[in-house]
Amino acid sequence: DNGKGKAQWVKYAVINHFISLLLAIASLIAITFLFFFPALLLVDVLVCVIVGYCWLVIYSFYWQLIEVAMTETQAQLETSALTKPAEFSTSQADEEKRLAY
């Protein structure tokens, strides 16, 4: 139960770093174009702004996902530490199945 929550958190973190890496590469390409084509200054500035904006939006979005995953893991640790009624544990298991898909 707890291990699965941690695995989810790790998965979000990996996705986050992967997307950050892709966006960093895209930013580098945009900066390279800026140096090679000074005539296209306006276009490059626009590209940099768009890439930067996307980077911020996606990064903050994944950061929220990671926070949610961490909070869920914390909640799972707390609930598993307590003695819980059978009906609650089954409903939690159903919810976990739903989240897995």
N, C-alpha and C. Protein backbone atom coordinates (compact mmCIF):
# COMPACT_ATOMS: atom_id res chain seq x y z
N ASP A 1 0.84 -1.21 0.00
CA ASP A 1 0.00 0.00 0.00
C ASP A 1 0.88 1.25 0.00
N ASN A 2 1.71 1.33 1.03
CA ASN A 2 2.61 2.47 1.18
C ASN A 2 3.66 2.47 0.06
N GLY A 3 4.15 1.28 -0.30
CA GLY A 3 5.15 1.15 -1.36
C GLY A 3 4.62 1.63 -2.68
N LYS A 4 3.31 1.35 -2.93
CA LYS A 4 2.69 1.76 -4.19
C LYS A 4 2.62 3.29 -4.27
N GLY A 5 2.30 3.93 -3.14
CA GLY A 5 2.24 5.39 -3.08
C GLY A 5 3.59 6.00 -3.41
N LYS A 6 4.64 5.39 -2.85
CA LYS A 6 6.00 5.86 -3.08
C LYS A 6 6.38 5.68 -4.55
N ALA A 7 5.98 4.54 -5.12
CA ALA A 7 6.27 4.27 -6.53
C ALA A 7 5.60 5.31 -7.43
N GLN A 8 4.36 5.69 -7.06
CA GLN A 8 3.63 6.70 -7.81
C GLN A 8 4.39 8.03 -7.76
N TRP A 9 4.86 8.38 -6.56
CA TRP A 9 5.60 9.63 -6.37
C TRP A 9 6.86 9.63 -7.23
N VAL A 10 7.57 8.49 -7.24
CA VAL A 10 8.80 8.37 -8.04
C VAL A 10 8.48 8.52 -9.52
N LYS A 11 7.36 7.90 -9.95
CA LYS A 11 6.95 7.99 -11.35
C LYS A 11 6.71 9.45 -11.75
N TYR A 12 5.99 10.20 -10.90
CA TYR A 12 5.74 11.62 -11.18
C TYR A 12 7.04 12.40 -11.25
N ALA A 13 7.96 12.11 -10.34
CA ALA A 13 9.24 12.80 -10.29
C ALA A 13 10.04 12.55 -11.57
N VAL A 14 10.04 11.29 -12.03
CA VAL A 14 10.77 10.92 -13.25
C VAL A 14 10.17 11.63 -14.46
N ILE A 15 8.83 11.62 -14.56
CA ILE A 15 8.15 12.30 -15.67
C ILE A 15 8.49 13.79 -15.64
N ASN A 16 8.47 14.36 -14.45
CA ASN A 16 8.77 15.78 -14.28
C ASN A 16 10.17 16.11 -14.78
N HIS A 17 11.17 15.31 -14.38
CA HIS A 17 12.55 15.56 -14.79
C HIS A 17 12.73 15.35 -16.29
N PHE A 18 12.04 14.34 -16.83
CA PHE A 18 12.13 14.05 -18.26
C PHE A 18 11.60 15.24 -19.07
N ILE A 19 10.44 15.77 -18.67
CA ILE A 19 9.84 16.90 -19.38
C ILE A 19 10.69 18.15 -19.21
N SER A 20 11.25 18.33 -18.02
CA SER A 20 12.16 19.46 -17.78
C SER A 20 13.36 19.39 -18.72
N LEU A 21 13.89 18.18 -18.90
CA LEU A 21 15.03 17.96 -19.78
C LEU A 21 14.68 18.31 -21.22
N LEU A 22 13.51 17.82 -21.69
CA LEU A 22 13.05 18.11 -23.05
C LEU A 22 12.91 19.61 -23.26
N LEU A 23 12.31 20.29 -22.28
CA LEU A 23 12.10 21.73 -22.40
C LEU A 23 13.42 22.49 -22.35
N ALA A 24 14.36 21.98 -21.57
CA ALA A 24 15.68 22.60 -21.51
C ALA A 24 16.36 22.51 -22.87
N ILE A 25 16.23 21.35 -23.53
CA ILE A 25 16.79 21.15 -24.87
C ILE A 25 16.12 22.10 -25.86
N ALA A 26 14.80 22.20 -25.78
CA ALA A 26 14.05 23.11 -26.65
C ALA A 26 14.51 24.55 -26.45
N SER A 27 14.75 24.93 -25.19
CA SER A 27 15.23 26.28 -24.88
C SER A 27 16.61 26.51 -25.47
N LEU A 28 17.48 25.50 -25.37
CA LEU A 28 18.83 25.61 -25.93
C LEU A 28 18.79 25.79 -27.44
N ILE A 29 17.89 25.03 -28.10
CA ILE A 29 17.74 25.15 -29.56
C ILE A 29 17.28 26.56 -29.91
N ALA A 30 16.32 27.08 -29.16
CA ALA A 30 15.81 28.44 -29.39
C ALA A 30 16.93 29.47 -29.23
N ILE A 31 17.77 29.30 -28.21
CA ILE A 31 18.88 30.22 -27.96
C ILE A 31 19.92 30.12 -29.08
N THR A 32 20.16 28.90 -29.57
CA THR A 32 21.10 28.68 -30.68
C THR A 32 20.61 29.41 -31.93
N PHE A 33 19.31 29.28 -32.22
CA PHE A 33 18.73 29.98 -33.36
C PHE A 33 18.91 31.49 -33.21
N LEU A 34 18.79 31.96 -31.98
CA LEU A 34 18.94 33.39 -31.69
C LEU A 34 20.32 33.87 -32.11
N PHE A 35 21.35 33.04 -31.88
CA PHE A 35 22.72 33.41 -32.24
C PHE A 35 22.97 33.30 -33.74
N PHE A 36 22.40 32.27 -34.38
CA PHE A 36 22.68 32.04 -35.80
C PHE A 36 21.85 32.91 -36.74
N PHE A 37 20.66 33.30 -36.29
CA PHE A 37 19.79 34.12 -37.15
C PHE A 37 19.37 35.40 -36.45
N PRO A 38 20.29 36.39 -36.37
CA PRO A 38 19.95 37.65 -35.71
C PRO A 38 18.80 38.38 -36.41
N ALA A 39 18.61 38.09 -37.72
CA ALA A 39 17.54 38.74 -38.48
C ALA A 39 16.17 38.32 -37.95
N LEU A 40 16.11 37.08 -37.43
CA LEU A 40 14.84 36.56 -36.92
C LEU A 40 14.69 36.81 -35.42
N LEU A 41 15.21 37.97 -34.99
CA LEU A 41 15.24 38.29 -33.57
C LEU A 41 13.85 38.22 -32.93
N LEU A 42 12.87 38.84 -33.59
CA LEU A 42 11.51 38.88 -33.04
C LEU A 42 10.93 37.49 -32.89
N VAL A 43 11.13 36.66 -33.94
CA VAL A 43 10.62 35.28 -33.92
C VAL A 43 11.26 34.51 -32.76
N ASP A 44 12.57 34.68 -32.62
CA ASP A 44 13.30 33.98 -31.56
C ASP A 44 12.84 34.41 -30.18
N VAL A 45 12.60 35.71 -30.02
CA VAL A 45 12.11 36.21 -28.73
C VAL A 45 10.75 35.59 -28.43
N LEU A 46 9.89 35.54 -29.46
CA LEU A 46 8.57 34.92 -29.29
C LEU A 46 8.69 33.45 -28.91
N VAL A 47 9.57 32.72 -29.62
CA VAL A 47 9.78 31.30 -29.34
C VAL A 47 10.27 31.11 -27.90
N CYS A 48 11.23 31.95 -27.49
CA CYS A 48 11.77 31.85 -26.13
C CYS A 48 10.68 32.11 -25.09
N VAL A 49 9.83 33.11 -25.36
CA VAL A 49 8.74 33.45 -24.44
C VAL A 49 7.76 32.29 -24.34
N ILE A 50 7.39 31.72 -25.51
CA ILE A 50 6.43 30.60 -25.54
C ILE A 50 7.01 29.39 -24.81
N VAL A 51 8.27 29.05 -25.13
CA VAL A 51 8.93 27.90 -24.49
C VAL A 51 9.03 28.12 -22.98
N GLY A 52 9.41 29.33 -22.59
CA GLY A 52 9.51 29.66 -21.17
C GLY A 52 8.18 29.54 -20.46
N TYR A 53 7.13 30.04 -21.12
CA TYR A 53 5.79 29.98 -20.55
C TYR A 53 5.32 28.53 -20.39
N CYS A 54 5.51 27.73 -21.45
CA CYS A 54 5.14 26.31 -21.41
C CYS A 54 5.91 25.59 -20.31
N TRP A 55 7.20 25.92 -20.20
CA TRP A 55 8.06 25.32 -19.19
C TRP A 55 7.51 25.59 -17.80
N LEU A 56 7.14 26.85 -17.55
CA LEU A 56 6.59 27.24 -16.24
C LEU A 56 5.29 26.52 -15.95
N VAL A 57 4.38 26.52 -16.94
CA VAL A 57 3.06 25.89 -16.76
C VAL A 57 3.21 24.40 -16.47
N ILE A 58 3.97 23.70 -17.33
CA ILE A 58 4.13 22.26 -17.18
C ILE A 58 4.87 21.92 -15.88
N TYR A 59 5.90 22.70 -15.57
CA TYR A 59 6.67 22.44 -14.36
C TYR A 59 5.81 22.60 -13.12
N SER A 60 5.02 23.70 -13.07
CA SER A 60 4.16 23.92 -11.91
C SER A 60 3.08 22.85 -11.82
N PHE A 61 2.58 22.42 -13.00
CA PHE A 61 1.55 21.36 -13.05
C PHE A 61 2.10 20.06 -12.46
N TYR A 62 3.31 19.68 -12.89
CA TYR A 62 3.90 18.43 -12.39
C TYR A 62 4.30 18.56 -10.93
N TRP A 63 4.69 19.77 -10.52
CA TRP A 63 5.03 19.98 -9.12
C TRP A 63 3.79 19.77 -8.25
N GLN A 64 2.62 20.23 -8.73
CA GLN A 64 1.35 20.00 -8.03
C GLN A 64 1.05 18.51 -7.94
N LEU A 65 1.27 17.79 -9.05
CA LEU A 65 1.06 16.34 -9.06
C LEU A 65 1.93 15.65 -8.00
N ILE A 66 3.20 16.08 -7.94
CA ILE A 66 4.12 15.49 -6.97
C ILE A 66 3.65 15.78 -5.55
N GLU A 67 3.20 17.03 -5.31
CA GLU A 67 2.70 17.40 -3.98
C GLU A 67 1.49 16.55 -3.61
N VAL A 68 0.58 16.36 -4.58
CA VAL A 68 -0.61 15.54 -4.35
C VAL A 68 -0.21 14.11 -4.01
N ALA A 69 0.73 13.57 -4.80
CA ALA A 69 1.21 12.20 -4.57
C ALA A 69 1.84 12.06 -3.19
N MET A 70 2.61 13.07 -2.79
CA MET A 70 3.25 13.05 -1.48
C MET A 70 2.21 13.11 -0.36
N THR A 71 1.20 13.96 -0.54
CA THR A 71 0.13 14.10 0.45
C THR A 71 -0.63 12.79 0.58
N GLU A 72 -0.90 12.15 -0.57
CA GLU A 72 -1.61 10.87 -0.58
C GLU A 72 -0.80 9.81 0.17
N THR A 73 0.50 9.78 -0.09
CA THR A 73 1.38 8.82 0.58
C THR A 73 1.35 9.04 2.09
N GLN A 74 1.41 10.32 2.48
CA GLN A 74 1.37 10.67 3.90
C GLN A 74 0.06 10.23 4.53
N ALA A 75 -1.06 10.49 3.83
CA ALA A 75 -2.39 10.11 4.31
C ALA A 75 -2.50 8.59 4.44
N GLN A 76 -1.92 7.88 3.47
CA GLN A 76 -1.95 6.40 3.49
C GLN A 76 -1.16 5.88 4.68
N LEU A 77 -0.03 6.49 4.97
CA LEU A 77 0.79 6.08 6.11
C LEU A 77 0.01 6.28 7.41
N GLU A 78 -0.67 7.44 7.51
CA GLU A 78 -1.44 7.74 8.71
C GLU A 78 -2.61 6.78 8.89
N THR A 79 -3.34 6.50 7.77
CA THR A 79 -4.51 5.63 7.87
C THR A 79 -4.10 4.18 8.14
N SER A 80 -2.98 3.74 7.56
CA SER A 80 -2.54 2.36 7.78
C SER A 80 -2.02 2.18 9.21
N ALA A 81 -1.55 3.27 9.82
CA ALA A 81 -1.07 3.21 11.20
C ALA A 81 -2.24 3.02 12.17
N LEU A 82 -3.39 3.58 11.81
CA LEU A 82 -4.59 3.44 12.64
C LEU A 82 -5.31 2.14 12.32
N THR A 83 -6.09 1.66 13.29
CA THR A 83 -6.94 0.49 13.01
C THR A 83 -8.17 1.01 12.29
N LYS A 84 -8.45 0.46 11.12
CA LYS A 84 -9.54 0.99 10.31
C LYS A 84 -10.60 -0.08 10.06
N PRO A 85 -11.87 0.32 9.96
CA PRO A 85 -12.94 -0.65 9.68
C PRO A 85 -12.76 -1.29 8.31
N ALA A 86 -13.27 -2.52 8.16
CA ALA A 86 -13.10 -3.29 6.93
C ALA A 86 -13.69 -2.56 5.73
N GLU A 87 -14.86 -1.94 5.92
CA GLU A 87 -15.52 -1.27 4.78
C GLU A 87 -14.68 -0.11 4.26
N PHE A 88 -14.00 0.58 5.17
CA PHE A 88 -13.15 1.70 4.76
C PHE A 88 -11.96 1.21 3.93
N SER A 89 -11.35 0.11 4.38
CA SER A 89 -10.18 -0.41 3.69
C SER A 89 -10.54 -0.91 2.29
N THR A 90 -11.75 -1.50 2.13
CA THR A 90 -12.15 -1.98 0.80
C THR A 90 -12.44 -0.80 -0.11
N SER A 91 -13.08 0.25 0.43
CA SER A 91 -13.37 1.43 -0.40
C SER A 91 -12.07 2.10 -0.83
N GLN A 92 -11.08 2.09 0.05
CA GLN A 92 -9.77 2.67 -0.28
C GLN A 92 -9.09 1.86 -1.38
N ALA A 93 -9.23 0.54 -1.30
CA ALA A 93 -8.64 -0.34 -2.31
C ALA A 93 -9.30 -0.11 -3.66
N ASP A 94 -10.62 0.07 -3.65
CA ASP A 94 -11.35 0.35 -4.90
C ASP A 94 -10.88 1.67 -5.49
N GLU A 95 -10.69 2.66 -4.63
CA GLU A 95 -10.25 3.97 -5.10
C GLU A 95 -8.84 3.87 -5.69
N GLU A 96 -8.00 3.06 -5.07
CA GLU A 96 -6.63 2.87 -5.57
C GLU A 96 -6.65 2.22 -6.95
N LYS A 97 -7.55 1.25 -7.13
CA LYS A 97 -7.69 0.58 -8.43
C LYS A 97 -8.10 1.60 -9.49
N ARG A 98 -9.06 2.46 -9.11
CA ARG A 98 -9.56 3.47 -10.03
C ARG A 98 -8.43 4.45 -10.40
N LEU A 99 -7.62 4.81 -9.41
CA LEU A 99 -6.51 5.73 -9.66
C LEU A 99 -5.42 5.09 -10.52
N ALA A 100 -5.28 3.78 -10.38
CA ALA A 100 -4.23 3.08 -11.14
C ALA A 100 -4.51 3.11 -12.64
N TYR A 101 -5.79 3.14 -13.01
CA TYR A 101 -6.13 3.16 -14.43
C TYR A 101 -6.24 4.57 -14.99
